């Protein structure tokens, strides 16, 4: 399956008993989600895309304005999407994500542009709010303009090109995950500045 063409007439999507609204798992030949271009408004559940080797962008999801969360507390989970270069298709999202933002194993993703309308992020059952893992091409997190407290942790791991945390200036407090970590920065060899966390105040 290389495309979702044929679904253009769908204008809204509900959620299943696990809390998923849009769940694409192990479709390695899928190159495009533009067939979902008719979906508009809020997804009551999560957006999960996993093990989709050929997906280059999220173009086609521009009509989605809000995303709920699944039972495990994730709102957006992009995992094992090695060809993904852009998430600008999420640019209509606005307001709070009720659950966490997880991006894992996105080898070619260089920016988070498309998430600028998200003003708050919740946490999942592991206590994570933002987790960026194995994103070796990621150069910037300026696409995030979250304000206020993160109830869970901030994790950035294996981000070889990330130079700074500019873009996180709106975050004023960070909670912790089940393992007790609040901020976890690991294998970020190009990181030169964490001044983007300058608005943090009080206790971790």
C-alpha atoms as a PDB file:
ATOM      1  CA  UNK A   1       0.000   0.000   0.000  1.00  0.00           C
ATOM      2  CA  UNK A   2       1.679   3.188  -1.241  1.00  0.00           C
ATOM      3  CA  UNK A   3      -1.112   5.722  -0.726  1.00  0.00           C
ATOM      4  CA  UNK A   4      -4.403   6.356   1.021  1.00  0.00           C
ATOM      5  CA  UNK A   5      -6.070   7.566  -2.153  1.00  0.00           C
ATOM      6  CA  UNK A   6      -9.751   6.711  -2.031  1.00  0.00           C
ATOM      7  CA  UNK A   7     -10.309   8.159   1.440  1.00  0.00           C
ATOM      8  CA  UNK A   8     -10.645  11.776   0.276  1.00  0.00           C
ATOM      9  CA  UNK A   9     -14.356  11.832   1.112  1.00  0.00           C
ATOM     10  CA  UNK A  10     -13.814  11.182   4.831  1.00  0.00           C
ATOM     11  CA  UNK A  11     -14.294  14.418   6.748  1.00  0.00           C
ATOM     12  CA  UNK A  12     -13.986  13.274  10.369  1.00  0.00           C
ATOM     13  CA  UNK A  13     -12.484  10.348  12.312  1.00  0.00           C
ATOM     14  CA  UNK A  14     -13.528   9.090  15.748  1.00  0.00           C
ATOM     15  CA  UNK A  15     -11.496   6.891  18.083  1.00  0.00           C
ATOM     16  CA  UNK A  16     -11.337   3.233  19.071  1.00  0.00           C
ATOM     17  CA  UNK A  17     -11.384   1.654  22.531  1.00  0.00           C
ATOM     18  CA  UNK A  18      -7.620   2.161  22.820  1.00  0.00           C
ATOM     19  CA  UNK A  19      -8.029   5.863  22.160  1.00  0.00           C
ATOM     20  CA  UNK A  20      -6.518   5.853  18.655  1.00  0.00           C
ATOM     21  CA  UNK A  21      -8.028   8.010  15.955  1.00  0.00           C
ATOM     22  CA  UNK A  22      -5.487   7.624  13.189  1.00  0.00           C
ATOM     23  CA  UNK A  23      -3.211   4.595  13.552  1.00  0.00           C
ATOM     24  CA  UNK A  24      -0.894   3.575  10.714  1.00  0.00           C
ATOM     25  CA  UNK A  25       1.360   0.678  11.695  1.00  0.00           C
ATOM     26  CA  UNK A  26       3.750  -1.392   9.579  1.00  0.00           C
ATOM     27  CA  UNK A  27       2.912  -0.072   6.119  1.00  0.00           C
ATOM     28  CA  UNK A  28       6.468   0.173   4.789  1.00  0.00           C
ATOM     29  CA  UNK A  29       5.539   1.146   1.215  1.00  0.00           C
ATOM     30  CA  UNK A  30       3.233   4.022   2.221  1.00  0.00           C
ATOM     31  CA  UNK A  31       4.603   7.235   0.694  1.00  0.00           C
ATOM     32  CA  UNK A  32       1.764   9.675   1.312  1.00  0.00           C
ATOM     33  CA  UNK A  33      -1.194  10.394   3.579  1.00  0.00           C
ATOM     34  CA  UNK A  34      -2.643  12.978   1.191  1.00  0.00           C
ATOM     35  CA  UNK A  35      -5.701  10.759   0.753  1.00  0.00           C
ATOM     36  CA  UNK A  36      -6.833  12.031   4.165  1.00  0.00           C
ATOM     37  CA  UNK A  37      -7.012  15.604   2.907  1.00  0.00           C
ATOM     38  CA  UNK A  38     -10.759  15.782   3.613  1.00  0.00           C
ATOM     39  CA  UNK A  39     -10.433  15.212   7.356  1.00  0.00           C
ATOM     40  CA  UNK A  40     -11.095  18.460   9.205  1.00  0.00           C
ATOM     41  CA  UNK A  41     -11.395  19.525  12.823  1.00  0.00           C
ATOM     42  CA  UNK A  42     -10.368  17.660  15.957  1.00  0.00           C
ATOM     43  CA  UNK A  43      -9.301  14.043  16.304  1.00  0.00           C
ATOM     44  CA  UNK A  44     -10.729  12.820  19.624  1.00  0.00           C
ATOM     45  CA  UNK A  45      -7.956  10.254  19.925  1.00  0.00           C
ATOM     46  CA  UNK A  46      -4.275   9.948  19.077  1.00  0.00           C
ATOM     47  CA  UNK A  47      -2.256  10.161  15.879  1.00  0.00           C
ATOM     48  CA  UNK A  48       0.116   7.192  15.663  1.00  0.00           C
ATOM     49  CA  UNK A  49       2.369   6.453  12.681  1.00  0.00           C
ATOM     50  CA  UNK A  50       4.853   3.600  13.167  1.00  0.00           C
ATOM     51  CA  UNK A  51       7.121   1.533  10.924  1.00  0.00           C
ATOM     52  CA  UNK A  52       6.271   3.424   7.752  1.00  0.00           C
ATOM     53  CA  UNK A  53       9.568   3.402   5.895  1.00  0.00           C
ATOM     54  CA  UNK A  54       8.570   5.345   2.783  1.00  0.00           C
ATOM     55  CA  UNK A  55       6.578   8.242   4.265  1.00  0.00           C
ATOM     56  CA  UNK A  56       8.227  11.563   3.387  1.00  0.00           C
ATOM     57  CA  UNK A  57       5.762  14.106   4.786  1.00  0.00           C
ATOM     58  CA  UNK A  58       2.463  14.537   6.606  1.00  0.00           C
ATOM     59  CA  UNK A  59       0.968  16.582   3.794  1.00  0.00           C
ATOM     60  CA  UNK A  60      -2.743  15.876   3.707  1.00  0.00           C
ATOM     61  CA  UNK A  61      -3.328  16.346   7.430  1.00  0.00           C
ATOM     62  CA  UNK A  62      -3.639  20.136   7.228  1.00  0.00           C
ATOM     63  CA  UNK A  63      -7.317  20.016   8.184  1.00  0.00           C
ATOM     64  CA  UNK A  64      -6.643  18.563  11.638  1.00  0.00           C
ATOM     65  CA  UNK A  65      -6.883  21.272  14.295  1.00  0.00           C
ATOM     66  CA  UNK A  66      -6.562  19.278  17.540  1.00  0.00           C
ATOM     67  CA  UNK A  67      -5.494  15.811  18.679  1.00  0.00           C
ATOM     68  CA  UNK A  68      -6.657  13.926  21.751  1.00  0.00           C
ATOM     69  CA  UNK A  69      -4.779  11.040  23.338  1.00  0.00           C
ATOM     70  CA  UNK A  70      -4.763   7.259  23.612  1.00  0.00           C
ATOM     71  CA  UNK A  71      -5.068   5.149  26.760  1.00  0.00           C
ATOM     72  CA  UNK A  72      -1.276   5.191  27.188  1.00  0.00           C
ATOM     73  CA  UNK A  73      -1.399   8.974  27.149  1.00  0.00           C
ATOM     74  CA  UNK A  74       0.299   9.677  23.823  1.00  0.00           C
ATOM     75  CA  UNK A  75      -1.180  12.304  21.538  1.00  0.00           C
ATOM     76  CA  UNK A  76       1.323  12.205  18.671  1.00  0.00           C
ATOM     77  CA  UNK A  77       3.660   9.246  18.234  1.00  0.00           C
ATOM     78  CA  UNK A  78       5.842   9.088  15.137  1.00  0.00           C
ATOM     79  CA  UNK A  79       8.097   6.047  15.303  1.00  0.00           C
ATOM     80  CA  UNK A  80      10.389   4.362  12.805  1.00  0.00           C
ATOM     81  CA  UNK A  81       9.676   6.769   9.964  1.00  0.00           C
ATOM     82  CA  UNK A  82      13.174   6.955   8.463  1.00  0.00           C
ATOM     83  CA  UNK A  83      12.234   8.885   5.300  1.00  0.00           C
ATOM     84  CA  UNK A  84      10.107  11.531   7.053  1.00  0.00           C
ATOM     85  CA  UNK A  85      11.451  14.990   6.206  1.00  0.00           C
ATOM     86  CA  UNK A  86       8.557  17.272   7.130  1.00  0.00           C
ATOM     87  CA  UNK A  87       5.703  17.471   9.601  1.00  0.00           C
ATOM     88  CA  UNK A  88       4.442  20.796   8.247  1.00  0.00           C
ATOM     89  CA  UNK A  89       1.197  18.980   7.429  1.00  0.00           C
ATOM     90  CA  UNK A  90       0.304  19.404  11.117  1.00  0.00           C
ATOM     91  CA  UNK A  91       0.473  23.190  10.885  1.00  0.00           C
ATOM     92  CA  UNK A  92      -3.238  23.702  11.649  1.00  0.00           C
ATOM     93  CA  UNK A  93      -2.911  22.186  15.129  1.00  0.00           C
ATOM     94  CA  UNK A  94      -3.697  24.775  17.783  1.00  0.00           C
ATOM     95  CA  UNK A  95      -4.004  24.813  21.546  1.00  0.00           C
ATOM     96  CA  UNK A  96      -3.114  21.993  23.913  1.00  0.00           C
ATOM     97  CA  UNK A  97      -2.119  18.401  23.269  1.00  0.00           C
ATOM     98  CA  UNK A  98      -3.734  16.397  26.062  1.00  0.00           C
ATOM     99  CA  UNK A  99      -1.019  13.752  25.921  1.00  0.00           C
ATOM    100  CA  UNK A 100       2.636  13.474  25.015  1.00  0.00           C
ATOM    101  CA  UNK A 101       4.600  14.255  21.863  1.00  0.00           C
ATOM    102  CA  UNK A 102       6.891  11.358  20.923  1.00  0.00           C
ATOM    103  CA  UNK A 103       9.138  11.271  17.857  1.00  0.00           C
ATOM    104  CA  UNK A 104      11.386   8.222  17.663  1.00  0.00           C
ATOM    105  CA  UNK A 105      13.668   7.066  14.867  1.00  0.00           C
ATOM    106  CA  UNK A 106      13.003   9.765  12.287  1.00  0.00           C
ATOM    107  CA  UNK A 107      16.364   9.814  10.540  1.00  0.00           C
ATOM    108  CA  UNK A 108      15.768  12.652   8.067  1.00  0.00           C
ATOM    109  CA  UNK A 109      13.581  15.010  10.086  1.00  0.00           C
ATOM    110  CA  UNK A 110      15.485  18.306  10.353  1.00  0.00           C
ATOM    111  CA  UNK A 111      12.916  20.542  12.042  1.00  0.00           C
ATOM    112  CA  UNK A 112       9.697  20.559  14.033  1.00  0.00           C
ATOM    113  CA  UNK A 113       8.055  23.198  11.878  1.00  0.00           C
ATOM    114  CA  UNK A 114       4.347  22.455  11.796  1.00  0.00           C
ATOM    115  CA  UNK A 115       3.938  22.254  15.572  1.00  0.00           C
ATOM    116  CA  UNK A 116       4.060  26.009  16.200  1.00  0.00           C
ATOM    117  CA  UNK A 117       0.349  26.215  17.060  1.00  0.00           C
ATOM    118  CA  UNK A 118       0.645  23.824  19.999  1.00  0.00           C
ATOM    119  CA  UNK A 119       0.664  25.861  23.199  1.00  0.00           C
ATOM    120  CA  UNK A 120       0.698  23.100  25.826  1.00  0.00           C
ATOM    121  CA  UNK A 121       1.647  19.425  26.027  1.00  0.00           C
ATOM    122  CA  UNK A 122       0.414  16.840  28.519  1.00  0.00           C
ATOM    123  CA  UNK A 123       2.116  13.607  29.510  1.00  0.00           C
ATOM    124  CA  UNK A 124       1.751   9.882  28.936  1.00  0.00           C
ATOM    125  CA  UNK A 125       1.606   6.965  31.330  1.00  0.00           C
ATOM    126  CA  UNK A 126       5.418   6.794  31.387  1.00  0.00           C
ATOM    127  CA  UNK A 127       5.502  10.394  32.540  1.00  0.00           C
ATOM    128  CA  UNK A 128       6.943  11.787  29.318  1.00  0.00           C
ATOM    129  CA  UNK A 129       5.776  15.073  27.855  1.00  0.00           C
ATOM    130  CA  UNK A 130       8.266  15.578  25.004  1.00  0.00           C
ATOM    131  CA  UNK A 131      10.508  12.778  23.778  1.00  0.00           C
ATOM    132  CA  UNK A 132      12.731  13.237  20.731  1.00  0.00           C
ATOM    133  CA  UNK A 133      14.764  10.081  20.252  1.00  0.00           C
ATOM    134  CA  UNK A 134      17.045   9.020  17.407  1.00  0.00           C
ATOM    135  CA  UNK A 135      16.531  12.128  15.303  1.00  0.00           C
ATOM    136  CA  UNK A 136      20.060  12.513  13.902  1.00  0.00           C
ATOM    137  CA  UNK A 137      19.175  15.198  11.334  1.00  0.00           C
ATOM    138  CA  UNK A 138      17.220  17.415  13.750  1.00  0.00           C
ATOM    139  CA  UNK A 139      18.855  20.846  13.729  1.00  0.00           C
ATOM    140  CA  UNK A 140      16.309  22.901  15.642  1.00  0.00           C
ATOM    141  CA  UNK A 141      13.380  22.691  18.047  1.00  0.00           C
ATOM    142  CA  UNK A 142      12.154  26.200  17.229  1.00  0.00           C
ATOM    143  CA  UNK A 143       8.979  24.675  15.792  1.00  0.00           C
ATOM    144  CA  UNK A 144       7.859  24.123  19.398  1.00  0.00           C
ATOM    145  CA  UNK A 145       6.317  27.191  21.019  1.00  0.00           C
ATOM    146  CA  UNK A 146       4.907  25.553  24.114  1.00  0.00           C
ATOM    147  CA  UNK A 147       4.134  27.800  27.067  1.00  0.00           C
ATOM    148  CA  UNK A 148       3.858  27.072  30.763  1.00  0.00           C
ATOM    149  CA  UNK A 149       4.584  23.837  32.607  1.00  0.00           C
ATOM    150  CA  UNK A 150       5.256  20.412  31.161  1.00  0.00           C
ATOM    151  CA  UNK A 151       3.661  17.880  33.542  1.00  0.00           C
ATOM    152  CA  UNK A 152       6.136  15.218  32.418  1.00  0.00           C
ATOM    153  CA  UNK A 153       9.755  14.968  31.327  1.00  0.00           C
ATOM    154  CA  UNK A 154      11.731  16.492  28.469  1.00  0.00           C
ATOM    155  CA  UNK A 155      13.898  13.901  26.691  1.00  0.00           C
ATOM    156  CA  UNK A 156      16.203  14.525  23.738  1.00  0.00           C
ATOM    157  CA  UNK A 157      18.413  11.588  22.798  1.00  0.00           C
ATOM    158  CA  UNK A 158      20.650  10.851  19.804  1.00  0.00           C
ATOM    159  CA  UNK A 159      20.126  14.190  18.104  1.00  0.00           C
ATOM    160  CA  UNK A 160      23.477  14.581  16.363  1.00  0.00           C
ATOM    161  CA  UNK A 161      22.856  17.922  14.656  1.00  0.00           C
ATOM    162  CA  UNK A 162      20.972  19.803  17.380  1.00  0.00           C
ATOM    163  CA  UNK A 163      22.903  22.963  18.265  1.00  0.00           C
ATOM    164  CA  UNK A 164      20.623  24.676  20.784  1.00  0.00           C
ATOM    165  CA  UNK A 165      17.340  24.431  22.642  1.00  0.00           C
ATOM    166  CA  UNK A 166      16.069  27.711  21.238  1.00  0.00           C
ATOM    167  CA  UNK A 167      12.312  27.441  20.908  1.00  0.00           C
ATOM    168  CA  UNK A 168      11.699  26.120  24.413  1.00  0.00           C
ATOM    169  CA  UNK A 169      11.743  29.561  26.056  1.00  0.00           C
ATOM    170  CA  UNK A 170       8.047  29.359  26.929  1.00  0.00           C
ATOM    171  CA  UNK A 171       8.485  26.363  29.232  1.00  0.00           C
ATOM    172  CA  UNK A 172       8.435  27.467  32.872  1.00  0.00           C
ATOM    173  CA  UNK A 173       8.464  24.120  34.702  1.00  0.00           C
ATOM    174  CA  UNK A 174       9.124  20.445  33.949  1.00  0.00           C
ATOM    175  CA  UNK A 175       7.705  17.453  35.759  1.00  0.00           C
ATOM    176  CA  UNK A 176       9.220  13.989  35.794  1.00  0.00           C
ATOM    177  CA  UNK A 177       8.812  10.546  34.278  1.00  0.00           C
ATOM    178  CA  UNK A 178       8.349   7.265  36.094  1.00  0.00           C
ATOM    179  CA  UNK A 179      12.118   6.728  36.226  1.00  0.00           C
ATOM    180  CA  UNK A 180      12.418  10.065  38.010  1.00  0.00           C
ATOM    181  CA  UNK A 181      14.089  12.059  35.224  1.00  0.00           C
ATOM    182  CA  UNK A 182      12.900  15.582  34.473  1.00  0.00           C
ATOM    183  CA  UNK A 183      15.417  16.617  31.793  1.00  0.00           C
ATOM    184  CA  UNK A 184      17.352  13.965  29.880  1.00  0.00           C
ATOM    185  CA  UNK A 185      19.790  15.103  27.188  1.00  0.00           C
ATOM    186  CA  UNK A 186      21.840  12.222  25.809  1.00  0.00           C
ATOM    187  CA  UNK A 187      24.120  11.902  22.781  1.00  0.00           C
ATOM    188  CA  UNK A 188      23.694  15.446  21.500  1.00  0.00           C
ATOM    189  CA  UNK A 189      27.280  16.046  20.371  1.00  0.00           C
ATOM    190  CA  UNK A 190      26.649  19.345  18.532  1.00  0.00           C
ATOM    191  CA  UNK A 191      24.682  20.961  21.377  1.00  0.00           C
ATOM    192  CA  UNK A 192      26.287  24.309  22.242  1.00  0.00           C
ATOM    193  CA  UNK A 193      23.598  26.051  24.270  1.00  0.00           C
ATOM    194  CA  UNK A 194      20.684  25.261  26.579  1.00  0.00           C
ATOM    195  CA  UNK A 195      19.758  28.920  27.000  1.00  0.00           C
ATOM    196  CA  UNK A 196      16.377  28.019  25.524  1.00  0.00           C
ATOM    197  CA  UNK A 197      15.472  26.669  28.977  1.00  0.00           C
ATOM    198  CA  UNK A 198      16.027  30.056  30.601  1.00  0.00           C
ATOM    199  CA  UNK A 199      12.386  30.479  31.637  1.00  0.00           C
ATOM    200  CA  UNK A 200      12.504  27.460  33.955  1.00  0.00           C
ATOM    201  CA  UNK A 201      11.995  28.486  37.570  1.00  0.00           C
ATOM    202  CA  UNK A 202      11.529  26.738  40.869  1.00  0.00           C
ATOM    203  CA  UNK A 203      12.125  23.055  41.543  1.00  0.00           C
ATOM    204  CA  UNK A 204      12.536  20.170  39.117  1.00  0.00           C
END
